[in-house]
Amino acid sequence: MGEWEVVSVIVVLVGLIISVSGPMVKLNGTLTKLTTKMEHFTEGLEKFQGRYKDHLKEQGEINEKHQAELDNHEHRITVLEAKEKNG
């Protein structure tokens, strides 16, 4: 092998390494950004789930209060109807 053949093989190898490593570096940067965004998304989702559970608990308490009022009104109406029949 002559000197120029060796030089051309080295140039081809360096070119191959550069052409492969460039996209790998870009891919690594993209994966890093994606990982960061997924962490923020997961964190936001956990906060949302906490607020949602609190909201459901509040709605359950409101529902129980309304149900108690409804039962009270129903009892009062039943008493008034019975009074009207007897009276």
PDB file of N, CA and C in Angstrom:
ATOM      1  N   MET A   1       0.845  -1.168   0.000  1.00  0.00           N
ATOM      2  CA  MET A   1       0.000   0.000   0.000  1.00  0.00           C
ATOM      3  C   MET A   1       0.893   1.234   0.000  1.00  0.00           C
ATOM      4  N   GLY A   2       0.507   2.195  -0.819  1.00  0.00           N
ATOM      5  CA  GLY A   2       1.286   3.421  -0.884  1.00  0.00           C
ATOM      6  C   GLY A   2       0.851   4.401   0.178  1.00  0.00           C
ATOM      7  N   GLU A   3       1.625   5.481   0.278  1.00  0.00           N
ATOM      8  CA  GLU A   3       1.314   6.510   1.279  1.00  0.00           C
ATOM      9  C   GLU A   3      -0.055   7.120   1.050  1.00  0.00           C
ATOM     10  N   TRP A   4      -0.384   7.381  -0.202  1.00  0.00           N
ATOM     11  CA  TRP A   4      -1.643   8.043  -0.503  1.00  0.00           C
ATOM     12  C   TRP A   4      -2.836   7.125  -0.228  1.00  0.00           C
ATOM     13  N   GLU A   5      -2.634   5.864  -0.402  1.00  0.00           N
ATOM     14  CA  GLU A   5      -3.724   4.919  -0.086  1.00  0.00           C
ATOM     15  C   GLU A   5      -3.993   4.904   1.414  1.00  0.00           C
ATOM     16  N   VAL A   6      -2.923   4.944   2.190  1.00  0.00           N
ATOM     17  CA  VAL A   6      -3.067   4.977   3.653  1.00  0.00           C
ATOM     18  C   VAL A   6      -3.755   6.269   4.075  1.00  0.00           C
ATOM     19  N   VAL A   7      -3.331   7.399   3.469  1.00  0.00           N
ATOM     20  CA  VAL A   7      -3.941   8.695   3.801  1.00  0.00           C
ATOM     21  C   VAL A   7      -5.421   8.686   3.418  1.00  0.00           C
ATOM     22  N   SER A   8      -5.735   8.152   2.243  1.00  0.00           N
ATOM     23  CA  SER A   8      -7.138   8.138   1.833  1.00  0.00           C
ATOM     24  C   SER A   8      -7.974   7.218   2.711  1.00  0.00           C
ATOM     25  N   VAL A   9      -7.437   6.108   3.187  1.00  0.00           N
ATOM     26  CA  VAL A   9      -8.167   5.229   4.112  1.00  0.00           C
ATOM     27  C   VAL A   9      -8.424   5.961   5.423  1.00  0.00           C
ATOM     28  N   ILE A  10      -7.424   6.677   5.918  1.00  0.00           N
ATOM     29  CA  ILE A  10      -7.589   7.433   7.173  1.00  0.00           C
ATOM     30  C   ILE A  10      -8.640   8.522   6.995  1.00  0.00           C
ATOM     31  N   VAL A  11      -8.617   9.235   5.871  1.00  0.00           N
ATOM     32  CA  VAL A  11      -9.594  10.289   5.604  1.00  0.00           C
ATOM     33  C   VAL A  11     -11.005   9.701   5.534  1.00  0.00           C
ATOM     34  N   VAL A  12     -11.138   8.558   4.868  1.00  0.00           N
ATOM     35  CA  VAL A  12     -12.444   7.909   4.779  1.00  0.00           C
ATOM     36  C   VAL A  12     -12.929   7.490   6.158  1.00  0.00           C
ATOM     37  N   LEU A  13     -12.058   6.930   6.978  1.00  0.00           N
ATOM     38  CA  LEU A  13     -12.443   6.518   8.334  1.00  0.00           C
ATOM     39  C   LEU A  13     -12.847   7.721   9.195  1.00  0.00           C
ATOM     40  N   VAL A  14     -12.092   8.817   9.099  1.00  0.00           N
ATOM     41  CA  VAL A  14     -12.430  10.021   9.865  1.00  0.00           C
ATOM     42  C   VAL A  14     -13.777  10.562   9.398  1.00  0.00           C
ATOM     43  N   GLY A  15     -14.000  10.573   8.085  1.00  0.00           N
ATOM     44  CA  GLY A  15     -15.283  11.021   7.552  1.00  0.00           C
ATOM     45  C   GLY A  15     -16.432  10.150   8.034  1.00  0.00           C
ATOM     46  N   LEU A  16     -16.224   8.855   8.074  1.00  0.00           N
ATOM     47  CA  LEU A  16     -17.246   7.924   8.560  1.00  0.00           C
ATOM     48  C   LEU A  16     -17.560   8.174  10.028  1.00  0.00           C
ATOM     49  N   ILE A  17     -16.519   8.365  10.815  1.00  0.00           N
ATOM     50  CA  ILE A  17     -16.716   8.628  12.250  1.00  0.00           C
ATOM     51  C   ILE A  17     -17.493   9.930  12.448  1.00  0.00           C
ATOM     52  N   ILE A  18     -17.148  10.967  11.688  1.00  0.00           N
ATOM     53  CA  ILE A  18     -17.835  12.254  11.812  1.00  0.00           C
ATOM     54  C   ILE A  18     -19.288  12.133  11.360  1.00  0.00           C
ATOM     55  N   SER A  19     -19.505  11.417  10.255  1.00  0.00           N
ATOM     56  CA  SER A  19     -20.875  11.297   9.754  1.00  0.00           C
ATOM     57  C   SER A  19     -21.755  10.472  10.680  1.00  0.00           C
ATOM     58  N   VAL A  20     -21.200   9.568  11.446  1.00  0.00           N
ATOM     59  CA  VAL A  20     -21.981   8.769  12.387  1.00  0.00           C
ATOM     60  C   VAL A  20     -22.133   9.499  13.728  1.00  0.00           C
ATOM     61  N   SER A  21     -21.091  10.179  14.175  1.00  0.00           N
ATOM     62  CA  SER A  21     -21.142  10.807  15.502  1.00  0.00           C
ATOM     63  C   SER A  21     -22.019  12.063  15.505  1.00  0.00           C
ATOM     64  N   GLY A  22     -22.127  12.776  14.397  1.00  0.00           N
ATOM     65  CA  GLY A  22     -22.974  13.981  14.347  1.00  0.00           C
ATOM     66  C   GLY A  22     -24.420  13.680  14.694  1.00  0.00           C
ATOM     67  N   PRO A  23     -25.084  12.756  13.987  1.00  0.00           N
ATOM     68  CA  PRO A  23     -26.466  12.420  14.341  1.00  0.00           C
ATOM     69  C   PRO A  23     -26.605  11.832  15.747  1.00  0.00           C
ATOM     70  N   MET A  24     -25.578  11.125  16.208  1.00  0.00           N
ATOM     71  CA  MET A  24     -25.653  10.558  17.561  1.00  0.00           C
ATOM     72  C   MET A  24     -25.682  11.668  18.603  1.00  0.00           C
ATOM     73  N   VAL A  25     -24.885  12.719  18.391  1.00  0.00           N
ATOM     74  CA  VAL A  25     -24.874  13.849  19.327  1.00  0.00           C
ATOM     75  C   VAL A  25     -26.232  14.556  19.307  1.00  0.00           C
ATOM     76  N   LYS A  26     -26.805  14.758  18.114  1.00  0.00           N
ATOM     77  CA  LYS A  26     -28.122  15.387  18.011  1.00  0.00           C
ATOM     78  C   LYS A  26     -29.188  14.522  18.687  1.00  0.00           C
ATOM     79  N   LEU A  27     -29.109  13.219  18.476  1.00  0.00           N
ATOM     80  CA  LEU A  27     -30.067  12.308  19.093  1.00  0.00           C
ATOM     81  C   LEU A  27     -29.966  12.355  20.609  1.00  0.00           C
ATOM     82  N   ASN A  28     -28.760  12.421  21.117  1.00  0.00           N
ATOM     83  CA  ASN A  28     -28.553  12.493  22.558  1.00  0.00           C
ATOM     84  C   ASN A  28     -29.176  13.773  23.125  1.00  0.00           C
ATOM     85  N   GLY A  29     -28.988  14.896  22.428  1.00  0.00           N
ATOM     86  CA  GLY A  29     -29.593  16.156  22.877  1.00  0.00           C
ATOM     87  C   GLY A  29     -31.105  16.082  22.866  1.00  0.00           C
ATOM     88  N   THR A  30     -31.647  15.483  21.810  1.00  0.00           N
ATOM     89  CA  THR A  30     -33.099  15.337  21.714  1.00  0.00           C
ATOM     90  C   THR A  30     -33.637  14.452  22.827  1.00  0.00           C
ATOM     91  N   LEU A  31     -32.953  13.360  23.121  1.00  0.00           N
ATOM     92  CA  LEU A  31     -33.388  12.463  24.202  1.00  0.00           C
ATOM     93  C   LEU A  31     -33.327  13.165  25.556  1.00  0.00           C
ATOM     94  N   THR A  32     -32.323  14.008  25.754  1.00  0.00           N
ATOM     95  CA  THR A  32     -32.213  14.754  27.007  1.00  0.00           C
ATOM     96  C   THR A  32     -33.392  15.703  27.162  1.00  0.00           C
ATOM     97  N   LYS A  33     -33.747  16.430  26.080  1.00  0.00           N
ATOM     98  CA  LYS A  33     -34.897  17.335  26.135  1.00  0.00           C
ATOM     99  C   LYS A  33     -36.182  16.559  26.396  1.00  0.00           C
ATOM    100  N   LEU A  34     -36.327  15.434  25.730  1.00  0.00           N
ATOM    101  CA  LEU A  34     -37.529  14.622  25.909  1.00  0.00           C
ATOM    102  C   LEU A  34     -37.645  14.119  27.349  1.00  0.00           C
ATOM    103  N   THR A  35     -36.546  13.686  27.908  1.00  0.00           N
ATOM    104  CA  THR A  35     -36.545  13.213  29.293  1.00  0.00           C
ATOM    105  C   THR A  35     -36.961  14.327  30.248  1.00  0.00           C
ATOM    106  N   THR A  36     -36.428  15.523  30.019  1.00  0.00           N
ATOM    107  CA  THR A  36     -36.767  16.665  30.869  1.00  0.00           C
ATOM    108  C   THR A  36     -38.249  16.994  30.757  1.00  0.00           C
ATOM    109  N   LYS A  37     -38.775  17.011  29.542  1.00  0.00           N
ATOM    110  CA  LYS A  37     -40.191  17.310  29.359  1.00  0.00           C
ATOM    111  C   LYS A  37     -41.075  16.244  29.991  1.00  0.00           C
ATOM    112  N   MET A  38     -40.687  14.991  29.898  1.00  0.00           N
ATOM    113  CA  MET A  38     -41.465  13.915  30.517  1.00  0.00           C
ATOM    114  C   MET A  38     -41.461  14.041  32.040  1.00  0.00           C
ATOM    115  N   GLU A  39     -40.335  14.452  32.612  1.00  0.00           N
ATOM    116  CA  GLU A  39     -40.278  14.647  34.061  1.00  0.00           C
ATOM    117  C   GLU A  39     -41.223  15.765  34.487  1.00  0.00           C
ATOM    118  N   HIS A  40     -41.230  16.869  33.726  1.00  0.00           N
ATOM    119  CA  HIS A  40     -42.141  17.978  34.041  1.00  0.00           C
ATOM    120  C   HIS A  40     -43.594  17.542  33.869  1.00  0.00           C
ATOM    121  N   PHE A  41     -43.872  16.772  32.820  1.00  0.00           N
ATOM    122  CA  PHE A  41     -45.226  16.281  32.583  1.00  0.00           C
ATOM    123  C   PHE A  41     -45.677  15.383  33.728  1.00  0.00           C
ATOM    124  N   THR A  42     -44.815  14.475  34.146  1.00  0.00           N
ATOM    125  CA  THR A  42     -45.144  13.559  35.235  1.00  0.00           C
ATOM    126  C   THR A  42     -45.392  14.330  36.532  1.00  0.00           C
ATOM    127  N   GLU A  43     -44.559  15.324  36.785  1.00  0.00           N
ATOM    128  CA  GLU A  43     -44.722  16.145  37.989  1.00  0.00           C
ATOM    129  C   GLU A  43     -46.060  16.887  37.958  1.00  0.00           C
ATOM    130  N   GLY A  44     -46.385  17.463  36.806  1.00  0.00           N
ATOM    131  CA  GLY A  44     -47.659  18.170  36.664  1.00  0.00           C
ATOM    132  C   GLY A  44     -48.844  17.228  36.816  1.00  0.00           C
ATOM    133  N   LEU A  45     -48.713  16.020  36.279  1.00  0.00           N
ATOM    134  CA  LEU A  45     -49.788  15.035  36.381  1.00  0.00           C
ATOM    135  C   LEU A  45     -50.012  14.625  37.833  1.00  0.00           C
ATOM    136  N   GLU A  46     -48.944  14.458  38.589  1.00  0.00           N
ATOM    137  CA  GLU A  46     -49.077  14.098  40.003  1.00  0.00           C
ATOM    138  C   GLU A  46     -49.762  15.219  40.782  1.00  0.00           C
ATOM    139  N   LYS A  47     -49.413  16.475  40.472  1.00  0.00           N
ATOM    140  CA  LYS A  47     -50.069  17.604  41.142  1.00  0.00           C
ATOM    141  C   LYS A  47     -51.552  17.638  40.784  1.00  0.00           C
ATOM    142  N   PHE A  48     -51.848  17.398  39.508  1.00  0.00           N
ATOM    143  CA  PHE A  48     -53.251  17.386  39.066  1.00  0.00           C
ATOM    144  C   PHE A  48     -54.032  16.289  39.778  1.00  0.00           C
ATOM    145  N   GLN A  49     -53.436  15.109  39.910  1.00  0.00           N
ATOM    146  CA  GLN A  49     -54.118  14.009  40.590  1.00  0.00           C
ATOM    147  C   GLN A  49     -54.417  14.366  42.038  1.00  0.00           C
ATOM    148  N   GLY A  50     -53.486  15.041  42.699  1.00  0.00           N
ATOM    149  CA  GLY A  50     -53.712  15.470  44.081  1.00  0.00           C
ATOM    150  C   GLY A  50     -54.866  16.442  44.178  1.00  0.00           C
ATOM    151  N   ARG A  51     -54.884  17.435  43.268  1.00  0.00           N
ATOM    152  CA  ARG A  51     -55.983  18.412  43.275  1.00  0.00           C
ATOM    153  C   ARG A  51     -57.306  17.736  42.947  1.00  0.00           C
ATOM    154  N   TYR A  52     -57.283  16.773  42.046  1.00  0.00           N
ATOM    155  CA  TYR A  52     -58.498  16.057  41.641  1.00  0.00           C
ATOM    156  C   TYR A  52     -59.063  15.259  42.812  1.00  0.00           C
ATOM    157  N   LYS A  53     -58.181  14.581  43.556  1.00  0.00           N
ATOM    158  CA  LYS A  53     -58.638  13.813  44.719  1.00  0.00           C
ATOM    159  C   LYS A  53     -59.249  14.737  45.764  1.00  0.00           C
ATOM    160  N   ASP A  54     -58.611  15.897  45.990  1.00  0.00           N
ATOM    161  CA  ASP A  54     -59.160  16.865  46.946  1.00  0.00           C
ATOM    162  C   ASP A  54     -60.527  17.359  46.488  1.00  0.00           C
ATOM    163  N   HIS A  55     -60.646  17.627  45.199  1.00  0.00           N
ATOM    164  CA  HIS A  55     -61.917  18.103  44.641  1.00  0.00           C
ATOM    165  C   HIS A  55     -63.002  17.043  44.805  1.00  0.00           C
ATOM    166  N   LEU A  56     -62.671  15.788  44.533  1.00  0.00           N
ATOM    167  CA  LEU A  56     -63.651  14.712  44.704  1.00  0.00           C
ATOM    168  C   LEU A  56     -64.105  14.599  46.155  1.00  0.00           C
ATOM    169  N   LYS A  57     -63.163  14.754  47.073  1.00  0.00           N
ATOM    170  CA  LYS A  57     -63.512  14.689  48.498  1.00  0.00           C
ATOM    171  C   LYS A  57     -64.469  15.822  48.857  1.00  0.00           C
ATOM    172  N   GLU A  58     -64.174  17.037  48.373  1.00  0.00           N
ATOM    173  CA  GLU A  58     -65.051  18.177  48.641  1.00  0.00           C
ATOM    174  C   GLU A  58     -66.433  17.951  48.044  1.00  0.00           C
ATOM    175  N   GLN A  59     -66.480  17.428  46.831  1.00  0.00           N
ATOM    176  CA  GLN A  59     -67.768  17.172  46.190  1.00  0.00           C
ATOM    177  C   GLN A  59     -68.554  16.099  46.941  1.00  0.00           C
ATOM    178  N   GLY A  60     -67.851  15.102  47.479  1.00  0.00           N
ATOM    179  CA  GLY A  60     -68.517  14.073  48.277  1.00  0.00           C
ATOM    180  C   GLY A  60     -69.139  14.653  49.532  1.00  0.00           C
ATOM    181  N   GLU A  61     -68.408  15.562  50.182  1.00  0.00           N
ATOM    182  CA  GLU A  61     -68.935  16.216  51.389  1.00  0.00           C
ATOM    183  C   GLU A  61     -70.153  17.078  51.055  1.00  0.00           C
ATOM    184  N   ILE A  62     -70.085  17.808  49.953  1.00  0.00           N
ATOM    185  CA  ILE A  62     -71.225  18.635  49.525  1.00  0.00           C
ATOM    186  C   ILE A  62     -72.423  17.745  49.205  1.00  0.00           C
ATOM    187  N   ASN A  63     -72.162  16.630  48.535  1.00  0.00           N
ATOM    188  CA  ASN A  63     -73.230  15.700  48.178  1.00  0.00           C
ATOM    189  C   ASN A  63     -73.907  15.142  49.435  1.00  0.00           C
ATOM    190  N   GLU A  64     -73.107  14.785  50.437  1.00  0.00           N
ATOM    191  CA  GLU A  64     -73.671  14.274  51.691  1.00  0.00           C
ATOM    192  C   GLU A  64     -74.540  15.333  52.371  1.00  0.00           C
ATOM    193  N   LYS A  65     -74.083  16.579  52.342  1.00  0.00           N
ATOM    194  CA  LYS A  65     -74.849  17.674  52.950  1.00  0.00           C
ATOM    195  C   LYS A  65     -76.188  17.838  52.226  1.00  0.00           C
ATOM    196  N   HIS A  66     -76.132  17.834  50.909  1.00  0.00           N
ATOM    197  CA  HIS A  66     -77.375  17.988  50.136  1.00  0.00           C
ATOM    198  C   HIS A  66     -78.315  16.801  50.364  1.00  0.00           C
ATOM    199  N   GLN A  67     -77.753  15.614  50.463  1.00  0.00           N
ATOM    200  CA  GLN A  67     -78.585  14.431  50.688  1.00  0.00           C
ATOM    201  C   GLN A  67     -79.270  14.514  52.052  1.00  0.00           C
ATOM    202  N   ALA A  68     -78.558  15.004  53.058  1.00  0.00           N
ATOM    203  CA  ALA A  68     -79.152  15.156  54.388  1.00  0.00           C
ATOM    204  C   ALA A  68     -80.286  16.176  54.348  1.00  0.00           C
ATOM    205  N   GLU A  69     -80.078  17.301  53.631  1.00  0.00           N
ATOM    206  CA  GLU A  69     -81.132  18.307  53.505  1.00  0.00           C
ATOM    207  C   GLU A  69     -82.339  17.743  52.759  1.00  0.00           C
ATOM    208  N   LEU A  70     -82.077  16.991  51.717  1.00  0.00           N
ATOM    209  CA  LEU A  70     -83.156  16.381  50.946  1.00  0.00           C
ATOM    210  C   LEU A  70     -83.954  15.398  51.802  1.00  0.00           C
ATOM    211  N   ASP A  71     -83.251  14.584  52.583  1.00  0.00           N
ATOM    212  CA  ASP A  71     -83.947  13.650  53.479  1.00  0.00           C
ATOM    213  C   ASP A  71     -84.808  14.401  54.495  1.00  0.00           C
ATOM    214  N   ASN A  72     -84.278  15.497  55.015  1.00  0.00           N
ATOM    215  CA  ASN A  72     -85.024  16.304  55.980  1.00  0.00           C
ATOM    216  C   ASN A  72     -86.292  16.876  55.336  1.00  0.00           C
ATOM    217  N   HIS A  73     -86.155  17.409  54.110  1.00  0.00           N
ATOM    218  CA  HIS A  73     -87.325  17.962  53.421  1.00  0.00           C
ATOM    219  C   HIS A  73     -88.351  16.866  53.123  1.00  0.00           C
ATOM    220  N   GLU A  74     -87.864  15.722  52.720  1.00  0.00           N
ATOM    221  CA  GLU A  74     -88.781  14.622  52.423  1.00  0.00           C
ATOM    222  C   GLU A  74     -89.547  14.208  53.675  1.00  0.00           C
ATOM    223  N   HIS A  75     -88.861  14.150  54.810  1.00  0.00           N
ATOM    224  CA  HIS A  75     -89.518  13.795  56.074  1.00  0.00           C
ATOM    225  C   HIS A  75     -90.576  14.847  56.433  1.00  0.00           C
ATOM    226  N   ARG A  76     -90.225  16.121  56.272  1.00  0.00           N
ATOM    227  CA  ARG A  76     -91.170  17.183  56.616  1.00  0.00           C
ATOM    228  C   ARG A  76     -92.402  17.132  55.720  1.00  0.00           C
ATOM    229  N   ILE A  77     -92.199  16.854  54.442  1.00  0.00           N
ATOM    230  CA  ILE A  77     -93.338  16.759  53.525  1.00  0.00           C
ATOM    231  C   ILE A  77     -94.227  15.585  53.911  1.00  0.00           C
ATOM    232  N   THR A  78     -93.610  14.467  54.267  1.00  0.00           N
ATOM    233  CA  THR A  78     -94.377  13.287  54.668  1.00  0.00           C
ATOM    234  C   THR A  78     -95.208  13.599  55.916  1.00  0.00           C
ATOM    235  N   VAL A  79     -94.631  14.315  56.865  1.00  0.00           N
ATOM    236  CA  VAL A  79     -95.346  14.689  58.083  1.00  0.00           C
ATOM    237  C   VAL A  79     -96.516  15.607  57.741  1.00  0.00           C
ATOM    238  N   LEU A  80     -96.284  16.588  56.869  1.00  0.00           N
ATOM    239  CA  LEU A  80     -97.359  17.508  56.482  1.00  0.00           C
ATOM    240  C   LEU A  80     -98.478  16.774  55.744  1.00  0.00           C
ATOM    241  N   GLU A  81     -98.126  15.846  54.869  1.00  0.00           N
ATOM    242  CA  GLU A  81     -99.154  15.078  54.161  1.00  0.00           C
ATOM    243  C   GLU A  81     -99.970  14.239  55.127  1.00  0.00           C
ATOM    244  N   ALA A  82     -99.313  13.616  56.104  1.00  0.00           N
ATOM    245  CA  ALA A  82    -100.021  12.809  57.083  1.00  0.00           C
ATOM    246  C   ALA A  82    -100.949  13.676  57.940  1.00  0.00           C
ATOM    247  N   LYS A  83    -100.494  14.870  58.266  1.00  0.00           N
ATOM    248  CA  LYS A  83    -101.308  15.809  59.038  1.00  0.00           C
ATOM    249  C   LYS A  83    -102.549  16.219  58.252  1.00  0.00           C
ATOM    250  N   GLU A  84    -102.364  16.439  56.956  1.00  0.00           N
ATOM    251  CA  GLU A  84    -103.459  16.860  56.085  1.00  0.00           C
ATOM    252  C   GLU A  84    -104.512  15.757  55.961  1.00  0.00           C
ATOM    253  N   LYS A  85    -104.064  14.507  55.878  1.00  0.00           N
ATOM    254  CA  LYS A  85    -105.002  13.382  55.772  1.00  0.00           C
ATOM    255  C   LYS A  85    -105.788  13.220  57.076  1.00  0.00           C
ATOM    256  N   ASN A  86    -105.135  13.417  58.187  1.00  0.00           N
ATOM    257  CA  ASN A  86    -105.777  13.226  59.494  1.00  0.00           C
ATOM    258  C   ASN A  86    -106.595  14.465  59.907  1.00  0.00           C
ATOM    259  N   GLY A  87    -106.226  15.586  59.345  1.00  0.00           N
ATOM    260  CA  GLY A  87    -106.758  16.819  59.864  1.00  0.00           C
ATOM    261  C   GLY A  87    -107.965  17.326  59.262  1.00  0.00           C
TER     262      GLY A  87
END
